[in-house]
Amino acid sequence: MASSSSSSSGATERRGIPGAQFVEDVQTYLTQLGLDVNSALAFLQERLQQYKVVEMKLLAQQRELQAKIPDIEKCLEVVATLQAKKGTGEELITDFEVSEGIYSRAAIEETDSVCLWLGANVMLEYSLEEATALLQKNLDNARASLEVLVADLLFLRDQTTITQVTIARVYNWDVHQRRTQQVATTAIAQE
């Protein structure tokens, strides 16, 4: 719908996040929606709260991915070290974490495979090459997911800002309408 009350950005949506409608003409906006000021403000406040809930979920996902990426990179380094030691006949001496803050030293003999935690208490044995491929794929997927999340957060922040501006415009329009009506009523009463 092309009208003077909204821009075309109001019709956009990103991965289930509805786009906010920028309101240029409050009167036309209210008429088109068939709402009074209080109903429009309630709707906009509800939408703003929905945006905040979605933002919290996306930020939690972003934190999880940002924590996961270094872990995957560390695993890739370990597998690369094991591959580099392969064929040299040397043992790899390393410290590993037994529990939080508790480490133990281990001598790792030459190996052709590693065990990787897949989650849900599942561990599988992979050849070094398969482990490298799997970990690299997981790292690429995590980085791609992080990029999408960042873009979603930017879109969401834009929609939040547009909604806040719209709330302010509707509220200010209502205040102006009430003042105009009050001045008119006062002028009629003085005649």
N, C-alpha and C. Protein backbone atom coordinates (compact mmCIF):
# COMPACT_ATOMS: atom_id res chain seq x y z
N MET A 1 0.84 -1.17 0.00
CA MET A 1 0.00 0.00 0.00
C MET A 1 0.88 1.23 0.00
N ALA A 2 0.67 2.05 -0.94
CA ALA A 2 1.47 3.26 -1.08
C ALA A 2 0.64 4.43 -0.58
N SER A 3 1.05 4.96 0.54
CA SER A 3 0.36 6.12 1.08
C SER A 3 1.37 7.04 1.71
N SER A 4 0.91 8.19 2.10
CA SER A 4 1.82 9.15 2.71
C SER A 4 2.08 8.83 4.18
N SER A 5 1.40 7.81 4.74
CA SER A 5 1.56 7.55 6.16
C SER A 5 2.70 6.60 6.47
N SER A 6 3.20 5.88 5.49
CA SER A 6 4.25 4.93 5.81
C SER A 6 5.22 4.81 4.65
N SER A 7 6.41 4.40 4.99
CA SER A 7 7.41 4.16 3.95
C SER A 7 7.39 2.69 3.59
N SER A 8 8.07 2.32 2.53
CA SER A 8 8.06 0.92 2.09
C SER A 8 8.81 0.02 3.04
N SER A 9 9.62 0.58 3.95
CA SER A 9 10.36 -0.26 4.89
C SER A 9 9.43 -0.93 5.90
N GLY A 10 8.19 -0.47 6.01
CA GLY A 10 7.25 -1.06 6.95
C GLY A 10 6.81 -2.46 6.56
N ALA A 11 7.01 -2.85 5.32
CA ALA A 11 6.54 -4.15 4.86
C ALA A 11 7.61 -5.22 4.96
N THR A 12 8.83 -4.88 5.36
CA THR A 12 9.90 -5.86 5.38
C THR A 12 9.83 -6.75 6.60
N GLU A 13 10.43 -7.91 6.46
CA GLU A 13 10.52 -8.88 7.54
C GLU A 13 11.84 -9.61 7.37
N ARG A 14 12.47 -9.98 8.47
CA ARG A 14 13.72 -10.72 8.40
C ARG A 14 13.64 -11.91 9.33
N ARG A 15 13.69 -13.07 8.77
CA ARG A 15 13.69 -14.34 9.51
C ARG A 15 12.67 -14.36 10.64
N GLY A 16 11.44 -13.99 10.31
CA GLY A 16 10.35 -14.03 11.28
C GLY A 16 10.21 -12.79 12.14
N ILE A 17 11.13 -11.85 12.02
CA ILE A 17 11.04 -10.61 12.78
C ILE A 17 10.27 -9.60 11.94
N PRO A 18 9.09 -9.19 12.39
CA PRO A 18 8.31 -8.25 11.56
C PRO A 18 8.96 -6.88 11.50
N GLY A 19 8.85 -6.27 10.35
CA GLY A 19 9.39 -4.93 10.18
C GLY A 19 8.48 -3.90 10.81
N ALA A 20 9.08 -2.83 11.29
CA ALA A 20 8.31 -1.74 11.90
C ALA A 20 7.94 -0.74 10.81
N GLN A 21 6.79 -0.13 10.99
CA GLN A 21 6.30 0.84 10.02
C GLN A 21 6.63 2.24 10.50
N PHE A 22 7.38 2.98 9.68
CA PHE A 22 7.66 4.37 10.02
C PHE A 22 6.43 5.20 9.68
N VAL A 23 5.98 5.97 10.63
CA VAL A 23 4.76 6.76 10.47
C VAL A 23 5.12 8.21 10.19
N GLU A 24 4.72 8.67 9.03
CA GLU A 24 4.92 10.08 8.67
C GLU A 24 3.71 10.92 9.07
N ASP A 25 2.52 10.38 8.83
CA ASP A 25 1.28 11.10 9.13
C ASP A 25 0.47 10.26 10.13
N VAL A 26 0.45 10.69 11.36
CA VAL A 26 -0.19 9.93 12.43
C VAL A 26 -1.69 9.77 12.18
N GLN A 27 -2.36 10.83 11.76
CA GLN A 27 -3.81 10.77 11.53
C GLN A 27 -4.14 9.69 10.50
N THR A 28 -3.43 9.66 9.40
CA THR A 28 -3.66 8.65 8.36
C THR A 28 -3.34 7.26 8.89
N TYR A 29 -2.28 7.14 9.65
CA TYR A 29 -1.88 5.86 10.25
C TYR A 29 -3.00 5.31 11.14
N LEU A 30 -3.52 6.17 12.01
CA LEU A 30 -4.59 5.73 12.91
C LEU A 30 -5.85 5.37 12.14
N THR A 31 -6.18 6.13 11.11
CA THR A 31 -7.36 5.87 10.29
C THR A 31 -7.21 4.55 9.55
N GLN A 32 -6.05 4.31 8.96
CA GLN A 32 -5.83 3.07 8.21
C GLN A 32 -5.95 1.84 9.10
N LEU A 33 -5.42 1.94 10.32
CA LEU A 33 -5.49 0.80 11.24
C LEU A 33 -6.82 0.72 11.97
N GLY A 34 -7.58 1.80 11.93
CA GLY A 34 -8.87 1.82 12.63
C GLY A 34 -8.69 1.82 14.14
N LEU A 35 -7.64 2.50 14.61
CA LEU A 35 -7.34 2.51 16.03
C LEU A 35 -7.45 3.92 16.59
N ASP A 36 -7.74 4.00 17.89
CA ASP A 36 -7.63 5.28 18.56
C ASP A 36 -6.19 5.39 19.09
N VAL A 37 -5.85 6.52 19.66
CA VAL A 37 -4.48 6.76 20.10
C VAL A 37 -4.04 5.74 21.15
N ASN A 38 -4.89 5.50 22.14
CA ASN A 38 -4.52 4.57 23.21
C ASN A 38 -4.31 3.15 22.69
N SER A 39 -5.16 2.71 21.79
CA SER A 39 -5.00 1.37 21.20
C SER A 39 -3.73 1.29 20.37
N ALA A 40 -3.44 2.33 19.61
CA ALA A 40 -2.22 2.36 18.80
C ALA A 40 -0.99 2.34 19.69
N LEU A 41 -1.00 3.12 20.75
CA LEU A 41 0.14 3.13 21.67
C LEU A 41 0.31 1.78 22.36
N ALA A 42 -0.80 1.15 22.73
CA ALA A 42 -0.73 -0.17 23.36
C ALA A 42 -0.15 -1.19 22.38
N PHE A 43 -0.60 -1.13 21.13
CA PHE A 43 -0.08 -2.04 20.10
C PHE A 43 1.42 -1.82 19.91
N LEU A 44 1.84 -0.58 19.81
CA LEU A 44 3.25 -0.26 19.59
C LEU A 44 4.11 -0.66 20.79
N GLN A 45 3.60 -0.46 22.00
CA GLN A 45 4.34 -0.88 23.20
C GLN A 45 4.49 -2.40 23.23
N GLU A 46 3.42 -3.11 22.85
CA GLU A 46 3.48 -4.57 22.81
C GLU A 46 4.52 -5.03 21.78
N ARG A 47 4.52 -4.39 20.62
CA ARG A 47 5.49 -4.72 19.58
C ARG A 47 6.92 -4.46 20.07
N LEU A 48 7.09 -3.36 20.78
CA LEU A 48 8.40 -3.02 21.33
C LEU A 48 8.86 -4.09 22.32
N GLN A 49 7.95 -4.56 23.14
CA GLN A 49 8.29 -5.62 24.10
C GLN A 49 8.65 -6.92 23.37
N GLN A 50 7.93 -7.22 22.29
CA GLN A 50 8.25 -8.41 21.50
C GLN A 50 9.66 -8.30 20.92
N TYR A 51 10.00 -7.12 20.44
CA TYR A 51 11.36 -6.90 19.93
C TYR A 51 12.40 -7.12 21.02
N LYS A 52 12.11 -6.66 22.23
CA LYS A 52 13.06 -6.82 23.33
C LYS A 52 13.25 -8.31 23.68
N VAL A 53 12.18 -9.09 23.65
CA VAL A 53 12.27 -10.52 23.94
C VAL A 53 13.12 -11.22 22.86
N VAL A 54 12.84 -10.89 21.62
CA VAL A 54 13.61 -11.48 20.52
C VAL A 54 15.08 -11.07 20.63
N GLU A 55 15.33 -9.83 20.99
CA GLU A 55 16.71 -9.36 21.13
C GLU A 55 17.44 -10.14 22.22
N MET A 56 16.78 -10.39 23.33
CA MET A 56 17.41 -11.16 24.41
C MET A 56 17.77 -12.57 23.94
N LYS A 57 16.87 -13.20 23.18
CA LYS A 57 17.14 -14.55 22.67
C LYS A 57 18.31 -14.53 21.69
N LEU A 58 18.33 -13.56 20.81
CA LEU A 58 19.41 -13.47 19.83
C LEU A 58 20.75 -13.17 20.50
N LEU A 59 20.75 -12.33 21.52
CA LEU A 59 21.98 -12.04 22.24
C LEU A 59 22.51 -13.28 22.97
N ALA A 60 21.60 -14.09 23.51
CA ALA A 60 22.01 -15.34 24.16
C ALA A 60 22.63 -16.29 23.13
N GLN A 61 22.01 -16.39 21.96
CA GLN A 61 22.57 -17.24 20.90
C GLN A 61 23.93 -16.72 20.46
N GLN A 62 24.06 -15.40 20.37
CA GLN A 62 25.33 -14.80 19.97
C GLN A 62 26.42 -15.13 20.99
N ARG A 63 26.11 -15.02 22.27
CA ARG A 63 27.10 -15.35 23.31
C ARG A 63 27.52 -16.82 23.23
N GLU A 64 26.55 -17.70 22.99
CA GLU A 64 26.86 -19.13 22.88
C GLU A 64 27.81 -19.39 21.71
N LEU A 65 27.52 -18.77 20.57
CA LEU A 65 28.38 -18.96 19.40
C LEU A 65 29.76 -18.35 19.62
N GLN A 66 29.81 -17.19 20.26
CA GLN A 66 31.10 -16.56 20.51
C GLN A 66 31.95 -17.39 21.47
N ALA A 67 31.32 -18.16 22.34
CA ALA A 67 32.05 -19.06 23.24
C ALA A 67 32.44 -20.35 22.51
N LYS A 68 31.61 -20.79 21.60
CA LYS A 68 31.82 -22.05 20.89
C LYS A 68 32.96 -21.96 19.88
N ILE A 69 33.08 -20.84 19.19
CA ILE A 69 34.07 -20.69 18.12
C ILE A 69 35.50 -20.90 18.63
N PRO A 70 35.92 -20.27 19.75
CA PRO A 70 37.28 -20.53 20.24
C PRO A 70 37.51 -21.99 20.62
N ASP A 71 36.48 -22.65 21.16
CA ASP A 71 36.61 -24.06 21.50
C ASP A 71 36.87 -24.91 20.26
N ILE A 72 36.13 -24.63 19.19
CA ILE A 72 36.32 -25.38 17.94
C ILE A 72 37.71 -25.11 17.38
N GLU A 73 38.14 -23.84 17.43
CA GLU A 73 39.48 -23.49 16.94
C GLU A 73 40.56 -24.22 17.74
N LYS A 74 40.36 -24.30 19.05
CA LYS A 74 41.32 -24.99 19.91
C LYS A 74 41.38 -26.48 19.55
N CYS A 75 40.23 -27.09 19.31
CA CYS A 75 40.20 -28.50 18.91
C CYS A 75 40.91 -28.71 17.57
N LEU A 76 40.69 -27.78 16.64
CA LEU A 76 41.38 -27.87 15.35
C LEU A 76 42.90 -27.79 15.53
N GLU A 77 43.36 -26.93 16.42
CA GLU A 77 44.79 -26.82 16.70
C GLU A 77 45.35 -28.12 17.27
N VAL A 78 44.60 -28.74 18.17
CA VAL A 78 45.04 -30.00 18.77
C VAL A 78 45.16 -31.08 17.71
N VAL A 79 44.16 -31.18 16.86
CA VAL A 79 44.19 -32.19 15.79
C VAL A 79 45.35 -31.91 14.83
N ALA A 80 45.59 -30.64 14.52
CA ALA A 80 46.70 -30.28 13.64
C ALA A 80 48.04 -30.64 14.29
N THR A 81 48.15 -30.44 15.60
CA THR A 81 49.38 -30.82 16.32
C THR A 81 49.58 -32.33 16.27
N LEU A 82 48.51 -33.08 16.47
CA LEU A 82 48.61 -34.54 16.40
C LEU A 82 49.03 -34.99 15.00
N GLN A 83 48.49 -34.33 13.97
CA GLN A 83 48.87 -34.67 12.60
C GLN A 83 50.33 -34.33 12.34
N ALA A 84 50.79 -33.22 12.89
CA ALA A 84 52.19 -32.82 12.70
C ALA A 84 53.15 -33.80 13.38
N LYS A 85 52.75 -34.34 14.50
CA LYS A 85 53.59 -35.30 15.25
C LYS A 85 53.53 -36.71 14.65
N LYS A 86 52.53 -36.94 13.80
CA LYS A 86 52.34 -38.26 13.21
C LYS A 86 53.56 -38.62 12.35
N GLY A 87 54.09 -39.82 12.58
CA GLY A 87 55.22 -40.29 11.78
C GLY A 87 56.58 -39.90 12.34
N THR A 88 56.60 -39.07 13.38
CA THR A 88 57.89 -38.66 13.96
C THR A 88 58.33 -39.62 15.06
N GLY A 89 57.40 -40.40 15.59
CA GLY A 89 57.73 -41.33 16.67
C GLY A 89 57.83 -40.65 18.02
N GLU A 90 57.61 -39.35 18.07
CA GLU A 90 57.68 -38.61 19.34
C GLU A 90 56.35 -38.67 20.07
N GLU A 91 56.45 -38.69 21.41
CA GLU A 91 55.24 -38.56 22.21
C GLU A 91 54.93 -37.07 22.34
N LEU A 92 53.68 -36.75 22.45
CA LEU A 92 53.25 -35.37 22.67
C LEU A 92 52.95 -35.22 24.15
N ILE A 93 53.67 -34.34 24.82
CA ILE A 93 53.43 -34.08 26.24
C ILE A 93 52.52 -32.85 26.33
N THR A 94 51.43 -33.01 27.05
CA THR A 94 50.46 -31.92 27.14
C THR A 94 49.79 -31.90 28.51
N ASP A 95 49.27 -30.74 28.85
CA ASP A 95 48.46 -30.61 30.06
C ASP A 95 47.01 -30.53 29.61
N PHE A 96 46.13 -31.24 30.32
CA PHE A 96 44.71 -31.18 29.97
C PHE A 96 43.90 -30.93 31.23
N GLU A 97 42.76 -30.33 31.03
CA GLU A 97 41.90 -29.96 32.15
C GLU A 97 41.07 -31.15 32.58
N VAL A 98 41.23 -31.55 33.82
CA VAL A 98 40.46 -32.65 34.38
C VAL A 98 39.12 -32.14 34.89
N SER A 99 39.19 -31.02 35.57
CA SER A 99 38.03 -30.35 36.12
C SER A 99 38.35 -28.87 36.09
N GLU A 100 37.39 -28.04 36.40
CA GLU A 100 37.63 -26.61 36.33
C GLU A 100 38.80 -26.22 37.24
N GLY A 101 39.87 -25.73 36.60
CA GLY A 101 41.04 -25.29 37.34
C GLY A 101 41.99 -26.39 37.76
N ILE A 102 41.69 -27.63 37.44
CA ILE A 102 42.56 -28.76 37.80
C ILE A 102 43.08 -29.39 36.50
N TYR A 103 44.40 -29.43 36.40
CA TYR A 103 45.04 -29.94 35.19
C TYR A 103 45.91 -31.14 35.52
N SER A 104 46.13 -31.95 34.50
CA SER A 104 47.01 -33.10 34.63
C SER A 104 47.89 -33.17 33.39
N ARG A 105 49.07 -33.73 33.53
CA ARG A 105 49.99 -33.87 32.41
C ARG A 105 49.81 -35.26 31.82
N ALA A 106 49.89 -35.34 30.49
CA ALA A 106 49.73 -36.62 29.81
C ALA A 106 50.72 -36.71 28.66
N ALA A 107 51.12 -37.94 28.37
CA ALA A 107 51.96 -38.22 27.21
C ALA A 107 51.07 -38.93 26.20
N ILE A 108 50.90 -38.30 25.05
CA ILE A 108 50.03 -38.87 24.01
C ILE A 108 50.92 -39.54 22.97
N GLU A 109 50.71 -40.82 22.81
CA GLU A 109 51.49 -41.56 21.82
C GLU A 109 50.95 -41.25 20.43
N GLU A 110 51.73 -41.59 19.42
CA GLU A 110 51.30 -41.36 18.04
C GLU A 110 49.97 -42.06 17.80
N THR A 111 49.07 -41.33 17.16
CA THR A 111 47.73 -41.87 16.94
C THR A 111 47.21 -41.49 15.56
N ASP A 112 46.28 -42.29 15.08
CA ASP A 112 45.64 -42.00 13.79
C ASP A 112 44.22 -41.49 13.97
N SER A 113 43.76 -41.45 15.23
CA SER A 113 42.37 -41.06 15.45
C SER A 113 42.24 -40.25 16.73
N VAL A 114 41.10 -39.54 16.83
CA VAL A 114 40.75 -38.79 18.03
C VAL A 114 39.27 -39.02 18.31
N CYS A 115 38.90 -38.79 19.54
CA CYS A 115 37.48 -38.88 19.91
C CYS A 115 36.96 -37.46 20.12
N LEU A 116 35.81 -37.19 19.54
CA LEU A 116 35.20 -35.87 19.65
C LEU A 116 33.85 -35.98 20.34
N TRP A 117 33.59 -35.04 21.28
CA TRP A 117 32.28 -34.95 21.90
C TRP A 117 31.32 -34.33 20.90
N LEU A 118 30.21 -35.00 20.66
CA LEU A 118 29.20 -34.47 19.75
C LEU A 118 28.07 -33.78 20.50
N GLY A 119 28.04 -33.97 21.79
CA GLY A 119 26.98 -33.41 22.62
C GLY A 119 26.06 -34.52 23.10
N ALA A 120 25.22 -34.21 24.05
CA ALA A 120 24.26 -35.17 24.63
C ALA A 120 24.97 -36.44 25.09
N ASN A 121 26.15 -36.27 25.71
CA ASN A 121 26.95 -37.38 26.21
C ASN A 121 27.30 -38.40 25.14
N VAL A 122 27.54 -37.92 23.93
CA VAL A 122 27.92 -38.79 22.81
C VAL A 122 29.32 -38.42 22.35
N MET A 123 30.18 -39.43 22.26
CA MET A 123 31.54 -39.23 21.77
C MET A 123 31.77 -40.24 20.66
N LEU A 124 32.38 -39.79 19.56
CA LEU A 124 32.70 -40.68 18.44
C LEU A 124 34.17 -40.56 18.10
N GLU A 125 34.71 -41.68 17.61
CA GLU A 125 36.10 -41.70 17.19
C GLU A 125 36.18 -41.38 15.70
N TYR A 126 37.09 -40.48 15.35
CA TYR A 126 37.30 -40.07 13.97
C TYR A 126 38.78 -40.18 13.64
N SER A 127 39.06 -40.43 12.36
CA SER A 127 40.45 -40.33 11.92
C SER A 127 40.84 -38.86 12.01
N LEU A 128 42.13 -38.58 12.03
CA LEU A 128 42.58 -37.19 12.14
C LEU A 128 42.05 -36.35 10.98
N GLU A 129 42.02 -36.92 9.78
CA GLU A 129 41.52 -36.20 8.62
C GLU A 129 40.02 -35.93 8.72
N GLU A 130 39.27 -36.94 9.16
CA GLU A 130 37.82 -36.76 9.32
C GLU A 130 37.52 -35.74 10.42
N ALA A 131 38.30 -35.80 11.49
CA ALA A 131 38.11 -34.86 12.59
C ALA A 131 38.38 -33.43 12.12
N THR A 132 39.45 -33.26 11.35
CA THR A 132 39.77 -31.93 10.83
C THR A 132 38.65 -31.42 9.95
N ALA A 133 38.15 -32.28 9.06
CA ALA A 133 37.06 -31.87 8.16
C ALA A 133 35.80 -31.52 8.94
N LEU A 134 35.45 -32.34 9.92
CA LEU A 134 34.25 -32.09 10.72
C LEU A 134 34.39 -30.81 11.53
N LEU A 135 35.51 -30.63 12.17
CA LEU A 135 35.72 -29.43 12.98
C LEU A 135 35.75 -28.18 12.11
N GLN A 136 36.36 -28.25 10.94
CA GLN A 136 36.40 -27.10 10.05
C GLN A 136 35.00 -26.74 9.57
N LYS A 137 34.22 -27.79 9.26
CA LYS A 137 32.83 -27.56 8.84
C LYS A 137 32.03 -26.91 9.97
N ASN A 138 32.21 -27.41 11.20
CA ASN A 138 31.52 -26.84 12.36
C ASN A 138 31.94 -25.39 12.60
N LEU A 139 33.23 -25.11 12.41
CA LEU A 139 33.73 -23.75 12.59
C LEU A 139 33.14 -22.82 11.54
N ASP A 140 33.12 -23.27 10.29
CA ASP A 140 32.54 -22.45 9.21
C ASP A 140 31.06 -22.19 9.47
N ASN A 141 30.33 -23.23 9.90
CA ASN A 141 28.90 -23.07 10.20
C ASN A 141 28.68 -22.11 11.37
N ALA A 142 29.50 -22.22 12.39
CA ALA A 142 29.36 -21.34 13.56
C ALA A 142 29.63 -19.89 13.16
N ARG A 143 30.67 -19.66 12.36
CA ARG A 143 30.97 -18.29 11.91
C ARG A 143 29.85 -17.73 11.04
N ALA A 144 29.31 -18.57 10.14
CA ALA A 144 28.20 -18.13 9.28
C ALA A 144 26.97 -17.81 10.12
N SER A 145 26.69 -18.65 11.10
CA SER A 145 25.54 -18.41 11.99
C SER A 145 25.72 -17.12 12.78
N LEU A 146 26.95 -16.86 13.20
CA LEU A 146 27.23 -15.63 13.94
C LEU A 146 27.01 -14.41 13.06
N GLU A 147 27.41 -14.48 11.80
CA GLU A 147 27.19 -13.37 10.87
C GLU A 147 25.69 -13.10 10.69
N VAL A 148 24.91 -14.18 10.56
CA VAL A 148 23.46 -14.03 10.40
C VAL A 148 22.86 -13.42 11.66
N LEU A 149 23.31 -13.88 12.82
CA LEU A 149 22.80 -13.34 14.09
C LEU A 149 23.11 -11.85 14.23
N VAL A 150 24.32 -11.46 13.84
CA VAL A 150 24.69 -10.05 13.92
C VAL A 150 23.79 -9.22 13.00
N ALA A 151 23.54 -9.73 11.80
CA ALA A 151 22.65 -9.03 10.86
C ALA A 151 21.23 -8.96 11.42
N ASP A 152 20.77 -10.05 12.04
CA ASP A 152 19.44 -10.05 12.65
C ASP A 152 19.36 -9.02 13.78
N LEU A 153 20.41 -8.94 14.58
CA LEU A 153 20.42 -7.97 15.68
C LEU A 153 20.41 -6.53 15.15
N LEU A 154 21.15 -6.28 14.09
CA LEU A 154 21.14 -4.94 13.50
C LEU A 154 19.76 -4.59 12.97
N PHE A 155 19.12 -5.54 12.27
CA PHE A 155 17.77 -5.33 11.76
C PHE A 155 16.81 -5.06 12.92
N LEU A 156 16.94 -5.87 13.97
CA LEU A 156 16.06 -5.74 15.13
C LEU A 156 16.24 -4.39 15.81
N ARG A 157 17.46 -3.93 15.93
CA ARG A 157 17.70 -2.62 16.55
C ARG A 157 17.09 -1.50 15.72
N ASP A 158 17.17 -1.63 14.40
CA ASP A 158 16.52 -0.64 13.53
C ASP A 158 15.02 -0.63 13.75
N GLN A 159 14.41 -1.82 13.86
CA GLN A 159 12.96 -1.91 14.06
C GLN A 159 12.57 -1.35 15.42
N THR A 160 13.40 -1.59 16.42
CA THR A 160 13.15 -1.05 17.76
C THR A 160 13.18 0.48 17.73
N THR A 161 14.17 1.03 17.06
CA THR A 161 14.28 2.49 16.95
C THR A 161 13.09 3.07 16.22
N ILE A 162 12.70 2.46 15.11
CA ILE A 162 11.54 2.94 14.34
C ILE A 162 10.28 2.91 15.21
N THR A 163 10.11 1.82 15.97
CA THR A 163 8.94 1.70 16.83
C THR A 163 8.96 2.75 17.94
N GLN A 164 10.11 3.00 18.53
CA GLN A 164 10.22 4.04 19.57
C GLN A 164 9.89 5.42 19.00
N VAL A 165 10.39 5.69 17.80
CA VAL A 165 10.08 6.97 17.16
C VAL A 165 8.59 7.08 16.87
N THR A 166 7.99 5.99 16.41
CA THR A 166 6.55 5.99 16.11
C THR A 166 5.74 6.22 17.39
N ILE A 167 6.14 5.59 18.48
CA ILE A 167 5.45 5.81 19.76
C ILE A 167 5.51 7.30 20.13
N ALA A 168 6.69 7.88 20.00
CA ALA A 168 6.86 9.29 20.33
C ALA A 168 6.01 10.17 19.41
N ARG A 169 5.96 9.85 18.13
CA ARG A 169 5.19 10.65 17.18
C ARG A 169 3.69 10.57 17.49
N VAL A 170 3.20 9.36 17.78
CA VAL A 170 1.77 9.20 18.09
C VAL A 170 1.44 9.93 19.39
N TYR A 171 2.28 9.77 20.39
CA TYR A 171 2.04 10.45 21.67
C TYR A 171 2.04 11.98 21.49
N ASN A 172 3.06 12.49 20.81
CA ASN A 172 3.15 13.94 20.59
C ASN A 172 1.98 14.46 19.76
N TRP A 173 1.56 13.68 18.77
CA TRP A 173 0.41 14.07 17.95
C TRP A 173 -0.83 14.18 18.84
N ASP A 174 -1.00 13.19 19.73
CA ASP A 174 -2.15 13.19 20.64
C ASP A 174 -2.11 14.40 21.56
N VAL A 175 -0.95 14.72 22.10
CA VAL A 175 -0.82 15.90 22.97
C VAL A 175 -1.19 17.16 22.19
N HIS A 176 -0.70 17.27 20.97
CA HIS A 176 -1.00 18.43 20.13
C HIS A 176 -2.51 18.52 19.85
N GLN A 177 -3.13 17.39 19.54
CA GLN A 177 -4.58 17.37 19.27
C GLN A 177 -5.36 17.80 20.50
N ARG A 178 -4.97 17.35 21.67
CA ARG A 178 -5.67 17.72 22.91
C ARG A 178 -5.52 19.21 23.21
N ARG A 179 -4.32 19.73 22.99
CA ARG A 179 -4.10 21.16 23.22
C ARG A 179 -4.93 22.00 22.25
N THR A 180 -4.94 21.58 21.00
CA THR A 180 -5.73 22.30 19.99
C THR A 180 -7.20 22.27 20.37
N GLN A 181 -7.67 21.12 20.81
CA GLN A 181 -9.08 20.98 21.21
C GLN A 181 -9.37 21.82 22.46
N GLN A 182 -8.42 21.86 23.39
CA GLN A 182 -8.61 22.63 24.61
C GLN A 182 -8.65 24.13 24.29
N VAL A 183 -7.78 24.58 23.39
CA VAL A 183 -7.77 25.99 22.99
C VAL A 183 -9.09 26.34 22.31
N ALA A 184 -9.58 25.45 21.46
CA ALA A 184 -10.85 25.70 20.76
C ALA A 184 -12.00 25.73 21.76
N THR A 185 -12.02 24.85 22.71
CA THR A 185 -13.06 24.80 23.72
C THR A 185 -13.03 26.05 24.59
N THR A 186 -11.85 26.49 24.96
CA THR A 186 -11.69 27.70 25.77
C THR A 186 -12.16 28.93 24.99
N ALA A 187 -11.83 28.99 23.71
CA ALA A 187 -12.25 30.13 22.86
C ALA A 187 -13.76 30.18 22.73
N ILE A 188 -14.41 29.03 22.58
CA ILE A 188 -15.87 28.99 22.47
C ILE A 188 -16.50 29.40 23.79
N ALA A 189 -15.93 28.96 24.91
CA ALA A 189 -16.49 29.28 26.22
C ALA A 189 -16.36 30.76 26.53
N GLN A 190 -15.37 31.43 25.99
CA GLN A 190 -15.15 32.86 26.28
C GLN A 190 -16.05 33.74 25.43
N GLU A 191 -16.63 33.24 24.38
CA GLU A 191 -17.47 34.07 23.50
C GLU A 191 -18.79 34.37 24.09
